[in-house]
Amino acid sequence: MILLEIKDVKECMSKLLLADAFDPFLFIEGEIVTYNTFKMDGYLKKEFFTSEENEVIGSRSYSLWKDVREFCFSIIKGKKTPLSFKFVFGLSDSNIEKLLKQQDLSFSSADVQGLYINLRYDGQKLSCVTGTSMNLFTMDKSLEQAWDKMVHKFFVQKGIEIDV
């Protein structure tokens, strides 16, 4: 787990809400505080979708950020900045599998419950905390370290300046 402080909040917000930088991530949950508190659960309600739509969704349990980004932007946009917000993003199962293979880690994808990015804005500062959740007990921190490095690299590649 690492904490990254975002240097340029406005630039990061632009990439979060107006560009596709975070689109591949799963949207686990979010909360936006403006004139009300808006809480969102990213868990998909499969019964809402047609059978054709469910085929496209497949085994995925959560919405993609790209599917809720515009809605979140509609809550945040305006002349006033939000009082706060937090978003929890998760890495997709296929990308977890890729990370395990690329880093030659001994874990299987079934061992990993999730790899997370927690973005939190407190009215002034925007920060990111990484998270790793396993389905088994282990003292091996190699996956956590690989995830932390991957998230750091992601921010650098997207041109989002950070302080470690």
C-alpha atoms as a PDB file:
ATOM      1  CA  MET A   1       0.000   0.000   0.000  1.00  0.00           C
ATOM      2  CA  ILE A   2       1.311   3.410  -0.967  1.00  0.00           C
ATOM      3  CA  LEU A   3      -0.026   6.939  -0.669  1.00  0.00           C
ATOM      4  CA  LEU A   4       0.380   9.216  -3.670  1.00  0.00           C
ATOM      5  CA  GLU A   5      -0.419  12.924  -3.405  1.00  0.00           C
ATOM      6  CA  ILE A   6      -1.685  14.405  -6.672  1.00  0.00           C
ATOM      7  CA  LYS A   7       0.172  17.670  -7.375  1.00  0.00           C
ATOM      8  CA  ASP A   8      -2.208  19.185  -9.942  1.00  0.00           C
ATOM      9  CA  VAL A   9      -5.783  18.450  -8.832  1.00  0.00           C
ATOM     10  CA  LYS A  10      -7.372  20.234 -11.810  1.00  0.00           C
ATOM     11  CA  GLU A  11      -5.312  18.262 -14.344  1.00  0.00           C
ATOM     12  CA  CYS A  12      -6.057  14.950 -12.663  1.00  0.00           C
ATOM     13  CA  MET A  13      -9.774  15.770 -12.460  1.00  0.00           C
ATOM     14  CA  SER A  14      -9.772  16.516 -16.169  1.00  0.00           C
ATOM     15  CA  LYS A  15      -8.222  13.109 -16.908  1.00  0.00           C
ATOM     16  CA  LEU A  16     -10.578  11.397 -14.467  1.00  0.00           C
ATOM     17  CA  LEU A  17     -13.851  12.983 -15.627  1.00  0.00           C
ATOM     18  CA  LEU A  18     -13.277  14.230 -19.185  1.00  0.00           C
ATOM     19  CA  ALA A  19     -10.819  11.748 -20.673  1.00  0.00           C
ATOM     20  CA  ASP A  20     -10.539   7.980 -20.869  1.00  0.00           C
ATOM     21  CA  ALA A  21      -7.512   7.602 -18.563  1.00  0.00           C
ATOM     22  CA  PHE A  22      -9.376   5.634 -15.877  1.00  0.00           C
ATOM     23  CA  ASP A  23     -12.008   4.050 -18.156  1.00  0.00           C
ATOM     24  CA  PRO A  24     -10.685   0.453 -18.068  1.00  0.00           C
ATOM     25  CA  PHE A  25     -10.952   0.248 -14.278  1.00  0.00           C
ATOM     26  CA  LEU A  26     -13.881  -1.330 -12.483  1.00  0.00           C
ATOM     27  CA  PHE A  27     -15.967   1.160 -10.512  1.00  0.00           C
ATOM     28  CA  ILE A  28     -16.337  -0.414  -7.082  1.00  0.00           C
ATOM     29  CA  GLU A  29     -17.947   2.476  -5.214  1.00  0.00           C
ATOM     30  CA  GLY A  30     -18.016   6.223  -4.934  1.00  0.00           C
ATOM     31  CA  GLU A  31     -19.237   9.140  -2.889  1.00  0.00           C
ATOM     32  CA  ILE A  32     -19.530  12.758  -4.007  1.00  0.00           C
ATOM     33  CA  VAL A  33     -20.380  15.478  -1.496  1.00  0.00           C
ATOM     34  CA  THR A  34     -21.794  18.697  -2.954  1.00  0.00           C
ATOM     35  CA  TYR A  35     -25.171  20.118  -1.839  1.00  0.00           C
ATOM     36  CA  ASN A  36     -26.060  16.493  -0.985  1.00  0.00           C
ATOM     37  CA  THR A  37     -24.087  13.332  -0.479  1.00  0.00           C
ATOM     38  CA  PHE A  38     -24.320  11.043  -3.488  1.00  0.00           C
ATOM     39  CA  LYS A  39     -23.293   7.452  -2.753  1.00  0.00           C
ATOM     40  CA  MET A  40     -22.870   4.937  -5.541  1.00  0.00           C
ATOM     41  CA  ASP A  41     -22.348   1.216  -5.495  1.00  0.00           C
ATOM     42  CA  GLY A  42     -20.742  -0.066  -8.678  1.00  0.00           C
ATOM     43  CA  TYR A  43     -22.119  -3.581  -8.268  1.00  0.00           C
ATOM     44  CA  LEU A  44     -24.026  -4.567 -11.416  1.00  0.00           C
ATOM     45  CA  LYS A  45     -27.647  -5.645 -11.108  1.00  0.00           C
ATOM     46  CA  LYS A  46     -27.671  -8.317 -13.826  1.00  0.00           C
ATOM     47  CA  GLU A  47     -31.481  -8.621 -13.778  1.00  0.00           C
ATOM     48  CA  PHE A  48     -31.676  -5.059 -15.167  1.00  0.00           C
ATOM     49  CA  PHE A  49     -29.963  -6.025 -18.415  1.00  0.00           C
ATOM     50  CA  THR A  50     -31.200  -7.963 -21.425  1.00  0.00           C
ATOM     51  CA  SER A  51     -29.663 -11.356 -22.142  1.00  0.00           C
ATOM     52  CA  GLU A  52     -27.651  -9.787 -24.980  1.00  0.00           C
ATOM     53  CA  GLU A  53     -26.288  -7.092 -22.665  1.00  0.00           C
ATOM     54  CA  ASN A  54     -25.438  -9.729 -20.066  1.00  0.00           C
ATOM     55  CA  GLU A  55     -23.445 -11.627 -22.689  1.00  0.00           C
ATOM     56  CA  VAL A  56     -21.331  -8.500 -23.253  1.00  0.00           C
ATOM     57  CA  ILE A  57     -20.921  -7.971 -19.495  1.00  0.00           C
ATOM     58  CA  GLY A  58     -19.899 -11.605 -19.019  1.00  0.00           C
ATOM     59  CA  SER A  59     -18.732 -12.560 -15.547  1.00  0.00           C
ATOM     60  CA  ARG A  60     -17.909  -8.984 -14.563  1.00  0.00           C
ATOM     61  CA  SER A  61     -19.610  -7.977 -11.292  1.00  0.00           C
ATOM     62  CA  TYR A  62     -18.912  -4.224 -11.386  1.00  0.00           C
ATOM     63  CA  SER A  63     -19.515  -1.350 -13.766  1.00  0.00           C
ATOM     64  CA  LEU A  64     -16.613   0.061 -15.680  1.00  0.00           C
ATOM     65  CA  TRP A  65     -15.626   3.623 -14.841  1.00  0.00           C
ATOM     66  CA  LYS A  66     -16.361   4.615 -18.453  1.00  0.00           C
ATOM     67  CA  ASP A  67     -20.008   3.644 -17.865  1.00  0.00           C
ATOM     68  CA  VAL A  68     -20.494   5.921 -14.826  1.00  0.00           C
ATOM     69  CA  ARG A  69     -17.949   8.682 -15.523  1.00  0.00           C
ATOM     70  CA  GLU A  70     -20.417  10.989 -17.275  1.00  0.00           C
ATOM     71  CA  PHE A  71     -22.955  10.628 -14.456  1.00  0.00           C
ATOM     72  CA  CYS A  72     -20.312  11.486 -11.847  1.00  0.00           C
ATOM     73  CA  PHE A  73     -19.202  14.440 -13.939  1.00  0.00           C
ATOM     74  CA  SER A  74     -22.791  15.716 -14.049  1.00  0.00           C
ATOM     75  CA  ILE A  75     -22.827  15.805 -10.238  1.00  0.00           C
ATOM     76  CA  ILE A  76     -19.412  17.467  -9.896  1.00  0.00           C
ATOM     77  CA  LYS A  77     -19.507  20.033 -12.720  1.00  0.00           C
ATOM     78  CA  GLY A  78     -20.450  23.589 -11.962  1.00  0.00           C
ATOM     79  CA  LYS A  79     -19.014  26.751 -10.519  1.00  0.00           C
ATOM     80  CA  LYS A  80     -18.303  25.237  -7.106  1.00  0.00           C
ATOM     81  CA  THR A  81     -15.894  22.426  -6.413  1.00  0.00           C
ATOM     82  CA  PRO A  82     -17.242  19.481  -4.426  1.00  0.00           C
ATOM     83  CA  LEU A  83     -16.736  19.485  -0.678  1.00  0.00           C
ATOM     84  CA  SER A  84     -15.212  16.030  -1.058  1.00  0.00           C
ATOM     85  CA  PHE A  85     -15.352  12.826  -3.027  1.00  0.00           C
ATOM     86  CA  LYS A  86     -13.945   9.348  -2.995  1.00  0.00           C
ATOM     87  CA  PHE A  87     -13.830   6.735  -5.694  1.00  0.00           C
ATOM     88  CA  VAL A  88     -12.673   3.149  -5.407  1.00  0.00           C
ATOM     89  CA  PHE A  89     -11.458   1.543  -8.634  1.00  0.00           C
ATOM     90  CA  GLY A  90     -10.486  -2.075  -9.151  1.00  0.00           C
ATOM     91  CA  LEU A  91      -8.316  -3.834 -11.673  1.00  0.00           C
ATOM     92  CA  SER A  92     -10.250  -6.234 -13.903  1.00  0.00           C
ATOM     93  CA  ASP A  93      -9.724  -9.980 -13.535  1.00  0.00           C
ATOM     94  CA  SER A  94      -8.041 -10.189 -16.948  1.00  0.00           C
ATOM     95  CA  ASN A  95      -5.619  -7.413 -16.016  1.00  0.00           C
ATOM     96  CA  ILE A  96      -4.878  -9.068 -12.662  1.00  0.00           C
ATOM     97  CA  GLU A  97      -4.002 -12.200 -14.603  1.00  0.00           C
ATOM     98  CA  LYS A  98      -1.719 -10.169 -16.917  1.00  0.00           C
ATOM     99  CA  LEU A  99       0.027  -8.564 -13.938  1.00  0.00           C
ATOM    100  CA  LEU A 100       0.634 -11.947 -12.313  1.00  0.00           C
ATOM    101  CA  LYS A 101       2.154 -13.303 -15.523  1.00  0.00           C
ATOM    102  CA  GLN A 102       4.195 -10.187 -16.377  1.00  0.00           C
ATOM    103  CA  GLN A 103       5.726 -10.084 -12.908  1.00  0.00           C
ATOM    104  CA  ASP A 104       6.147 -13.887 -12.782  1.00  0.00           C
ATOM    105  CA  LEU A 105       4.360 -14.023  -9.435  1.00  0.00           C
ATOM    106  CA  SER A 106       3.525 -17.319  -7.762  1.00  0.00           C
ATOM    107  CA  PHE A 107      -0.106 -16.398  -7.036  1.00  0.00           C
ATOM    108  CA  SER A 108      -3.040 -17.562  -9.139  1.00  0.00           C
ATOM    109  CA  SER A 109      -5.853 -15.177 -10.058  1.00  0.00           C
ATOM    110  CA  ALA A 110      -8.113 -17.141  -7.667  1.00  0.00           C
ATOM    111  CA  ASP A 111      -5.799 -16.079  -4.818  1.00  0.00           C
ATOM    112  CA  VAL A 112      -6.487 -12.389  -5.507  1.00  0.00           C
ATOM    113  CA  GLN A 113      -9.756 -10.831  -4.385  1.00  0.00           C
ATOM    114  CA  GLY A 114      -8.848  -7.445  -5.833  1.00  0.00           C
ATOM    115  CA  LEU A 115      -6.302  -4.742  -6.566  1.00  0.00           C
ATOM    116  CA  TYR A 116      -7.626  -1.267  -5.819  1.00  0.00           C
ATOM    117  CA  ILE A 117      -7.036   2.433  -6.330  1.00  0.00           C
ATOM    118  CA  ASN A 118      -8.720   4.698  -3.780  1.00  0.00           C
ATOM    119  CA  LEU A 119      -8.973   8.329  -4.911  1.00  0.00           C
ATOM    120  CA  ARG A 120      -9.936  10.782  -2.187  1.00  0.00           C
ATOM    121  CA  TYR A 121     -10.487  14.538  -2.422  1.00  0.00           C
ATOM    122  CA  ASP A 122     -10.937  16.430   0.856  1.00  0.00           C
ATOM    123  CA  GLY A 123     -11.820  19.838  -0.564  1.00  0.00           C
ATOM    124  CA  GLN A 124      -8.192  20.807  -1.087  1.00  0.00           C
ATOM    125  CA  LYS A 125      -5.979  17.774  -1.630  1.00  0.00           C
ATOM    126  CA  LEU A 126      -6.413  14.812  -3.943  1.00  0.00           C
ATOM    127  CA  SER A 127      -4.674  11.603  -2.934  1.00  0.00           C
ATOM    128  CA  CYS A 128      -4.482   8.017  -4.070  1.00  0.00           C
ATOM    129  CA  VAL A 129      -4.014   4.997  -1.840  1.00  0.00           C
ATOM    130  CA  THR A 130      -3.414   1.594  -3.361  1.00  0.00           C
ATOM    131  CA  GLY A 131      -4.914  -1.558  -1.905  1.00  0.00           C
ATOM    132  CA  THR A 132      -4.511  -5.286  -2.260  1.00  0.00           C
ATOM    133  CA  SER A 133      -6.999  -7.895  -1.044  1.00  0.00           C
ATOM    134  CA  MET A 134      -6.205 -11.586  -1.066  1.00  0.00           C
ATOM    135  CA  ASN A 135      -8.396 -14.672  -0.726  1.00  0.00           C
ATOM    136  CA  LEU A 136      -5.692 -16.332   1.346  1.00  0.00           C
ATOM    137  CA  PHE A 137      -3.316 -15.436   4.144  1.00  0.00           C
ATOM    138  CA  THR A 138       0.218 -14.773   2.995  1.00  0.00           C
ATOM    139  CA  MET A 139       3.284 -12.948   4.241  1.00  0.00           C
ATOM    140  CA  ASP A 140       4.466 -12.606   0.621  1.00  0.00           C
ATOM    141  CA  LYS A 141       4.187  -8.930  -0.368  1.00  0.00           C
ATOM    142  CA  SER A 142       5.393  -9.383  -3.959  1.00  0.00           C
ATOM    143  CA  LEU A 143       1.945  -8.791  -5.479  1.00  0.00           C
ATOM    144  CA  GLU A 144       1.357  -5.711  -3.327  1.00  0.00           C
ATOM    145  CA  GLN A 145       4.743  -4.314  -4.355  1.00  0.00           C
ATOM    146  CA  ALA A 146       4.096  -5.065  -8.043  1.00  0.00           C
ATOM    147  CA  TRP A 147       0.667  -3.373  -7.848  1.00  0.00           C
ATOM    148  CA  ASP A 148       2.129  -0.305  -6.133  1.00  0.00           C
ATOM    149  CA  LYS A 149       4.749   0.022  -8.881  1.00  0.00           C
ATOM    150  CA  MET A 150       2.111  -0.462 -11.580  1.00  0.00           C
ATOM    151  CA  VAL A 151      -0.110   2.292 -10.131  1.00  0.00           C
ATOM    152  CA  HIS A 152       2.856   4.659  -9.861  1.00  0.00           C
ATOM    153  CA  LYS A 153       3.747   3.899 -13.492  1.00  0.00           C
ATOM    154  CA  PHE A 154       0.093   4.413 -14.531  1.00  0.00           C
ATOM    155  CA  PHE A 155       0.040   7.949 -13.093  1.00  0.00           C
ATOM    156  CA  VAL A 156       3.366   8.795 -14.741  1.00  0.00           C
ATOM    157  CA  GLN A 157       2.194   7.423 -18.128  1.00  0.00           C
ATOM    158  CA  LYS A 158      -1.040   9.422 -17.917  1.00  0.00           C
ATOM    159  CA  GLY A 159       0.914  12.602 -17.172  1.00  0.00           C
ATOM    160  CA  ILE A 160      -0.520  12.997 -13.671  1.00  0.00           C
ATOM    161  CA  GLU A 161       2.129  14.519 -11.403  1.00  0.00           C
ATOM    162  CA  ILE A 162       2.414  12.861  -7.999  1.00  0.00           C
ATOM    163  CA  ASP A 163       4.374  13.078  -4.779  1.00  0.00           C
ATOM    164  CA  VAL A 164       5.237   9.727  -3.252  1.00  0.00           C
END
